[in-house]
């Protein structure tokens, strides 16, 4: 396999769709031959909690019964797969600090969790890990959509996605409007959107070159895909494309220097009603 996660952690901070998270965690940990870790961090009791996650005394004032929570999660995992190897950790308060402490120095780690706007923003912006973020209950991924940069990392991105999902059909997509790099005096790269007629004329040669590169990727890796050249607006183009595409999962390779910086990734997460696998380099 081109890539194997060293650790796989189901991150739970509420009860919504806990069965889907644990099911995906069990399946994915078996695929990668890893012990499944479950990290339950409860910020505060809420009405959505199931009764057995709270002590039998006054639920308005008594904190989580950690032993009972752990037993119930472990029992559910055993029902999913009696051979599954798992470790359950129950904590309270400050989920961001708990995630960082749980991961320790390991960056090659995948957290499987539900989408929460505020929490997802914190995790993606302040931690260096990969996240499988659930927005719906889909557990099968026959069709994968992979937005790509036309950069040196694109080949690795496609290979990695194919290795993680060897049985899935993968479509790649590239939005040309984001993709004009400008090198600054300090050597850093800035992506300059193409928005005006002068920009389009000046970069016509670049556009044609990028289209050829994109088509070569499709042939080399036996994938389908689209090169977006719409004029509706930068973010709107890629969001509309994904919404209208028949796909089960969007895979994003998180990058600080190019298109998929945290801000754009978060915009897509908020606007697109699909599950996302966000892979940090």
Protein backbone atom coordinates (compact mmCIF):
# COMPACT_ATOMS: atom_id res chain seq x y z
CA UNK A 1 0.00 0.00 0.00
CA UNK A 2 1.27 3.45 -0.93
CA UNK A 3 0.21 4.83 2.45
CA UNK A 4 -0.86 3.36 5.77
CA UNK A 5 -2.12 5.37 8.71
CA UNK A 6 -0.12 4.58 11.81
CA UNK A 7 -3.14 5.21 14.03
CA UNK A 8 -6.92 5.32 13.47
CA UNK A 9 -9.08 7.10 16.03
CA UNK A 10 -12.87 7.50 16.18
CA UNK A 11 -13.44 10.90 17.78
CA UNK A 12 -16.82 11.26 19.52
CA UNK A 13 -18.12 14.40 21.15
CA UNK A 14 -21.86 13.65 20.90
CA UNK A 15 -24.15 10.72 20.26
CA UNK A 16 -25.33 11.61 16.75
CA UNK A 17 -24.56 8.79 14.31
CA UNK A 18 -22.21 7.07 16.73
CA UNK A 19 -23.04 3.73 15.13
CA UNK A 20 -21.89 4.94 11.71
CA UNK A 21 -18.64 6.29 13.12
CA UNK A 22 -17.85 3.05 14.95
CA UNK A 23 -18.79 0.93 11.92
CA UNK A 24 -16.46 2.93 9.67
CA UNK A 25 -13.75 2.83 12.33
CA UNK A 26 -13.96 -0.95 12.66
CA UNK A 27 -13.91 -1.48 8.89
CA UNK A 28 -11.08 0.95 8.21
CA UNK A 29 -8.89 -0.27 11.09
CA UNK A 30 -9.23 -3.83 9.78
CA UNK A 31 -8.29 -2.67 6.29
CA UNK A 32 -5.13 -1.03 7.64
CA UNK A 33 -4.51 -3.75 10.26
CA UNK A 34 -4.49 -1.28 13.14
CA UNK A 35 -5.95 -1.23 16.63
CA UNK A 36 -9.02 1.01 16.62
CA UNK A 37 -8.83 3.83 19.15
CA UNK A 38 -11.99 5.53 20.39
CA UNK A 39 -11.62 8.95 21.98
CA UNK A 40 -14.84 10.16 23.65
CA UNK A 41 -14.60 13.77 24.83
CA UNK A 42 -17.71 15.24 26.40
CA UNK A 43 -17.69 19.02 26.75
CA UNK A 44 -20.90 19.03 28.80
CA UNK A 45 -24.01 16.84 29.16
CA UNK A 46 -26.75 17.58 26.64
CA UNK A 47 -30.31 16.40 26.10
CA UNK A 48 -29.19 14.37 23.08
CA UNK A 49 -27.15 11.97 25.20
CA UNK A 50 -28.56 8.51 25.61
CA UNK A 51 -29.50 7.66 29.19
CA UNK A 52 -26.80 5.08 29.67
CA UNK A 53 -24.10 7.66 29.02
CA UNK A 54 -25.08 9.43 32.22
CA UNK A 55 -24.99 8.29 35.84
CA UNK A 56 -28.26 6.92 37.17
CA UNK A 57 -28.51 9.80 39.66
CA UNK A 58 -29.61 13.36 38.83
CA UNK A 59 -28.65 13.90 35.21
CA UNK A 60 -28.76 17.66 35.54
CA UNK A 61 -25.73 17.78 37.82
CA UNK A 62 -23.88 14.45 37.70
CA UNK A 63 -21.09 14.08 35.10
CA UNK A 64 -20.68 11.19 32.71
CA UNK A 65 -20.24 7.75 34.16
CA UNK A 66 -16.97 7.04 32.35
CA UNK A 67 -16.86 3.35 33.21
CA UNK A 68 -20.36 2.82 31.87
CA UNK A 69 -19.63 4.80 28.70
CA UNK A 70 -16.52 2.72 28.04
CA UNK A 71 -18.35 -0.57 28.60
CA UNK A 72 -21.20 0.40 26.28
CA UNK A 73 -18.87 1.51 23.47
CA UNK A 74 -16.77 -1.63 23.80
CA UNK A 75 -19.92 -3.79 23.75
CA UNK A 76 -21.10 -2.08 20.57
CA UNK A 77 -17.74 -2.62 18.88
CA UNK A 78 -17.82 -6.30 19.80
CA UNK A 79 -21.26 -6.57 18.20
CA UNK A 80 -19.84 -5.10 14.99
CA UNK A 81 -16.81 -7.38 14.96
CA UNK A 82 -15.85 -9.82 17.72
CA UNK A 83 -12.25 -9.87 16.47
CA UNK A 84 -11.81 -6.10 16.43
CA UNK A 85 -8.92 -4.76 18.51
CA UNK A 86 -9.85 -1.51 20.20
CA UNK A 87 -8.90 0.91 22.94
CA UNK A 88 -11.46 3.29 24.46
CA UNK A 89 -10.55 6.56 26.20
CA UNK A 90 -13.19 8.68 27.97
CA UNK A 91 -12.36 12.30 28.80
CA UNK A 92 -14.11 15.58 29.56
CA UNK A 93 -13.63 19.21 28.54
CA UNK A 94 -11.52 20.96 25.86
CA UNK A 95 -11.71 18.60 22.91
CA UNK A 96 -8.96 20.38 20.93
CA UNK A 97 -6.40 19.94 23.70
CA UNK A 98 -7.52 16.35 24.22
CA UNK A 99 -7.01 15.56 20.54
CA UNK A 100 -3.52 17.06 20.50
CA UNK A 101 -2.57 15.23 23.69
CA UNK A 102 -4.00 11.93 22.46
CA UNK A 103 -2.11 12.08 19.17
CA UNK A 104 1.13 13.08 20.93
CA UNK A 105 3.92 13.30 18.34
CA UNK A 106 2.20 11.10 15.72
CA UNK A 107 1.10 13.11 12.69
CA UNK A 108 0.28 10.13 10.48
CA UNK A 109 -3.05 9.62 12.21
CA UNK A 110 -6.65 9.54 10.97
CA UNK A 111 -9.52 10.83 13.10
CA UNK A 112 -13.02 9.69 12.11
CA UNK A 113 -15.65 12.12 13.40
CA UNK A 114 -18.98 13.81 12.74
CA UNK A 115 -19.19 17.25 11.16
CA UNK A 116 -19.58 20.14 13.54
CA UNK A 117 -18.95 23.60 12.09
CA UNK A 118 -17.09 25.09 15.04
CA UNK A 119 -15.24 21.94 16.01
CA UNK A 120 -14.25 21.05 12.44
CA UNK A 121 -12.89 24.56 11.99
CA UNK A 122 -10.74 24.22 15.11
CA UNK A 123 -9.44 20.78 14.21
CA UNK A 124 -8.55 21.58 10.60
CA UNK A 125 -6.94 24.92 11.38
CA UNK A 126 -5.08 24.02 14.57
CA UNK A 127 -4.01 20.38 14.17
CA UNK A 128 -1.83 18.61 11.57
CA UNK A 129 -3.91 15.43 11.29
CA UNK A 130 -6.18 13.81 8.72
CA UNK A 131 -9.95 13.70 9.26
CA UNK A 132 -12.76 11.56 7.89
CA UNK A 133 -15.71 13.87 8.49
CA UNK A 134 -19.23 12.46 8.39
CA UNK A 135 -22.15 14.62 7.23
CA UNK A 136 -24.46 11.75 6.27
CA UNK A 137 -24.83 8.03 7.04
CA UNK A 138 -23.29 6.70 3.82
CA UNK A 139 -20.82 3.88 4.52
CA UNK A 140 -20.17 2.66 0.97
CA UNK A 141 -18.00 4.63 -1.40
CA UNK A 142 -18.32 3.41 -4.95
CA UNK A 143 -17.67 6.84 -6.46
CA UNK A 144 -14.91 9.07 -5.12
CA UNK A 145 -14.35 12.68 -6.17
CA UNK A 146 -10.79 14.01 -5.90
CA UNK A 147 -10.17 17.72 -6.57
CA UNK A 148 -6.51 18.12 -7.51
CA UNK A 149 -3.86 20.75 -8.00
CA UNK A 150 -1.73 20.58 -11.12
CA UNK A 151 1.41 20.55 -9.00
CA UNK A 152 4.20 18.12 -8.24
CA UNK A 153 2.06 16.55 -5.50
CA UNK A 154 -0.87 15.65 -7.79
CA UNK A 155 0.56 12.27 -8.77
CA UNK A 156 1.01 11.28 -5.12
CA UNK A 157 -2.51 12.50 -4.34
CA UNK A 158 -4.05 10.27 -7.01
CA UNK A 159 -1.94 7.25 -6.05
CA UNK A 160 -2.79 7.62 -2.37
CA UNK A 161 -6.52 7.93 -3.04
CA UNK A 162 -6.46 4.86 -5.28
CA UNK A 163 -4.59 2.90 -2.61
CA UNK A 164 -7.07 3.83 0.12
CA UNK A 165 -10.05 3.02 -2.14
CA UNK A 166 -8.84 0.26 -4.50
CA UNK A 167 -12.36 -0.87 -5.39
CA UNK A 168 -13.84 2.58 -6.01
CA UNK A 169 -14.23 4.60 -9.19
CA UNK A 170 -12.26 7.83 -8.78
CA UNK A 171 -13.00 11.02 -10.66
CA UNK A 172 -10.54 13.90 -10.58
CA UNK A 173 -11.50 17.56 -10.99
CA UNK A 174 -9.41 20.68 -11.45
CA UNK A 175 -10.67 24.26 -11.28
CA UNK A 176 -8.43 26.30 -13.55
CA UNK A 177 -9.38 29.62 -11.95
CA UNK A 178 -7.36 28.93 -8.82
CA UNK A 179 -4.29 27.71 -10.51
CA UNK A 180 -2.02 30.54 -11.63
CA UNK A 181 1.03 30.50 -9.32
CA UNK A 182 3.09 33.62 -8.68
CA UNK A 183 6.47 33.41 -7.01
CA UNK A 184 7.13 36.14 -4.47
CA UNK A 185 10.52 37.71 -3.76
CA UNK A 186 10.98 35.56 -0.67
CA UNK A 187 10.46 32.41 -2.73
CA UNK A 188 6.97 31.64 -1.44
CA UNK A 189 4.14 30.83 -3.83
CA UNK A 190 0.87 32.71 -4.06
CA UNK A 191 -2.14 31.51 -6.03
CA UNK A 192 -3.60 34.30 -8.13
CA UNK A 193 -7.23 33.78 -9.23
CA UNK A 194 -8.00 34.44 -12.89
CA UNK A 195 -10.91 36.87 -12.86
CA UNK A 196 -10.45 39.50 -15.59
CA UNK A 197 -10.32 39.37 -19.37
CA UNK A 198 -6.69 40.52 -19.38
CA UNK A 199 -5.74 37.72 -16.98
CA UNK A 200 -7.48 35.17 -19.18
CA UNK A 201 -5.72 36.36 -22.30
CA UNK A 202 -2.30 36.46 -20.67
CA UNK A 203 -2.70 32.97 -19.27
CA UNK A 204 -4.26 31.26 -22.28
CA UNK A 205 -1.04 29.35 -22.90
CA UNK A 206 -0.94 28.25 -19.27
CA UNK A 207 -4.54 27.06 -19.47
CA UNK A 208 -3.87 24.89 -22.51
CA UNK A 209 -0.76 23.43 -20.89
CA UNK A 210 -2.70 22.59 -17.73
CA UNK A 211 -5.46 20.94 -19.74
CA UNK A 212 -2.86 18.67 -21.38
CA UNK A 213 -1.38 17.79 -17.99
CA UNK A 214 -4.85 17.04 -16.64
CA UNK A 215 -5.72 14.79 -19.59
CA UNK A 216 -2.41 12.95 -19.16
CA UNK A 217 -3.29 12.23 -15.54
CA UNK A 218 -6.61 10.74 -16.62
CA UNK A 219 -4.89 8.43 -19.08
CA UNK A 220 -2.00 7.45 -16.79
CA UNK A 221 -4.19 6.54 -13.82
CA UNK A 222 -7.25 5.32 -15.75
CA UNK A 223 -9.63 7.80 -14.13
CA UNK A 224 -12.36 10.09 -15.38
CA UNK A 225 -12.51 13.79 -14.63
CA UNK A 226 -13.36 17.36 -15.55
CA UNK A 227 -11.33 20.50 -16.11
CA UNK A 228 -13.55 23.36 -14.86
CA UNK A 229 -13.55 26.61 -16.84
CA UNK A 230 -16.81 28.17 -15.68
CA UNK A 231 -17.15 31.92 -15.03
CA UNK A 232 -19.58 32.03 -12.13
CA UNK A 233 -17.02 32.73 -9.44
CA UNK A 234 -14.15 30.85 -7.89
CA UNK A 235 -15.69 29.04 -4.95
CA UNK A 236 -19.13 28.81 -6.53
CA UNK A 237 -17.80 26.83 -9.50
CA UNK A 238 -16.26 24.02 -7.48
CA UNK A 239 -19.15 23.89 -4.98
CA UNK A 240 -21.78 23.66 -7.75
CA UNK A 241 -19.74 21.04 -9.55
CA UNK A 242 -19.50 18.81 -6.47
CA UNK A 243 -23.19 19.23 -5.61
CA UNK A 244 -24.22 18.17 -9.11
CA UNK A 245 -21.81 15.26 -9.28
CA UNK A 246 -22.96 11.75 -8.41
CA UNK A 247 -20.36 10.95 -5.79
CA UNK A 248 -20.27 9.30 -2.37
CA UNK A 249 -17.20 10.93 -0.86
CA UNK A 250 -14.98 13.95 -1.50
CA UNK A 251 -11.27 13.47 -0.82
CA UNK A 252 -9.23 16.62 -0.23
CA UNK A 253 -5.47 16.70 0.16
CA UNK A 254 -4.93 19.56 2.57
CA UNK A 255 -2.19 22.01 1.59
CA UNK A 256 -1.03 25.28 3.09
CA UNK A 257 0.51 26.72 -0.06
CA UNK A 258 -2.00 25.95 -2.77
CA UNK A 259 -5.73 25.73 -3.34
CA UNK A 260 -6.96 23.61 -0.44
CA UNK A 261 -5.93 25.78 2.47
CA UNK A 262 -8.12 25.41 5.59
CA UNK A 263 -10.45 28.29 4.65
CA UNK A 264 -11.51 26.79 1.31
CA UNK A 265 -11.78 23.29 2.76
CA UNK A 266 -14.08 24.61 5.49
CA UNK A 267 -16.22 26.43 2.93
CA UNK A 268 -16.68 23.19 1.00
CA UNK A 269 -17.48 21.28 4.17
CA UNK A 270 -20.18 23.77 5.07
CA UNK A 271 -21.77 24.00 1.62
CA UNK A 272 -21.57 20.43 0.31
CA UNK A 273 -23.80 17.74 1.93
CA UNK A 274 -21.33 14.88 1.50
CA UNK A 275 -18.81 13.07 3.65
CA UNK A 276 -15.23 14.31 3.36
CA UNK A 277 -11.85 12.68 3.81
CA UNK A 278 -9.36 15.49 4.46
CA UNK A 279 -5.79 14.21 4.20
CA UNK A 280 -3.03 16.35 5.62
CA UNK A 281 0.36 16.13 3.99
